[in-house]
Amino acid sequence: MAWADSKRASISIIAFCQVMAMALWFSASAIVPALTAEFHLSAFSQAALTSGVQAGFVIGCLASAVFGLADRLDPRRFFAFATMIGAVANLLLLAVDPASPVAIALRVVTGMCMAGIYPVGMKLASTWAKGDMGLMVGILVGALTLGSAAPHLFNAFGGMQWRIPLVAASASAFIAAFLIAFAGVGPNRAPAPRFDPSAALTAWRDVPLRLANLGYLGHMWELYAMWTWVGVYVTAALAARGAQSAGRLGSLAAFVAIGAGALGAVAAGFFADRRGRANVAAWAMMISATCCALTVPAFNAPFGVLLLLVALWGFSVVADSAQFSAIVSETTDDEYVGTALTVQTCLGFLLTMVSIRLTSAAAEWLGWRWAFLLILPGPILGVQAMLALMKPRIREE
């Protein structure tokens, strides 16, 4: 059924479908300012619309791993089914009160569907890898990042018409569900190890693996809180000085910030194969930590300066992302790779639920000028973990 029997054509289709389907992830987060203005959402409701996706993703990943869905099902059909269900759940937000538990439940369902999109797309792409895993993973993470940025672009053009981004995100997901059938499966498809709960402690017993996971957790503490609230931060900064179209400019800034991560992921994937994954990850987190700290003095800066800062932050905050999975894959026994990656992903996304909520609470208490300082310890911890991992004695253990 696949049209794309070549590696280049298949990867292009997979990457395009990832971009289109991942629009579902931030479809609600992108319209939080508009929803808050119309429905007077509380800080809890604002955070829940995003953290619900994170919770659903964790549930979906665990279910997929336990039942071996990604191994037992054709990845293209699994991807298409999950994408269609997620698109429907996203559309149903139009029919419910955004502050209601039903809206949060729909976001949880969307998150569960993302477990059939995000990792399954990566698995499908990996069947074509041959000596270029770093760059290939970077391309796929870049596609995921660009897809996550798309709702903010929809919102920038939709303005306060919050229904437009929701419909656009679902429409793009339906297109992805249709097109993924035309991607080919590569020659090196192999079943992943079955989920083994008893192997989960390996993530902390093995020193290199523990450092890789600590780096990943520091990265995730920063990443999704930044992605979720960067548009709100810019909107608040512009509104504080009475700027016109603050909401639209905030959405545009969020798109630029998140979208810049696509370039960062590809660039990091290229250099990681040549300069070392831990080295590239450490540099990326040092830059993102600096940008995070600069959000305080930049709050009163002109929009152009704000846009430049969040673009650099977005570029660096994702640049290390794919490398943590690669490090875990390279430092774990083959029979436990599937379990190690499942544990890493689940712990990371559970942590994002905390950082997203605490960042909004910090903004409510101190204001958006100071809120992002809460996530600054994440990349600082990650840098320390990567520096330790680069020591020869640690790498040999």
Foldseek 3Di string as FASTA:
>chain_A
DAPDPDLVVQLVLLLLLLLLLLLLLCLPLLLLVLLCVVVVADLVLSLLLNLLLLQLLLVLLVVCQQVVVLQPDDLLLLLLVLLLLLLVLLLCCVVDRSNDVSSSNSSSSNSSSVNSRLVSSVLQSVLADDLQNLLSLLLNLLSNLLSNLVLLVQCLVVPSVSSRSSNSSSVSSNVSSVSNVNRDGHDRRDRAAHADVVCLCVCPPQQLSVLLLLLLLLLLLQPPLCLSCQLVLQLQLCVVVPHPSSNSLSSVLSSLLSSLLSVLSNVLSVCCVPPNLLVSLLVLLVQLLVLLVCLQVCSNPDSVVSSVSSNSNSSSSNNNVSSSLVSLCVPDPRNCSSNSVSSSSSVSSVSNSVSNSQLSVCCVVPNSSCSSVVSSVSSVSSSVSSVVSPPPVSVVD
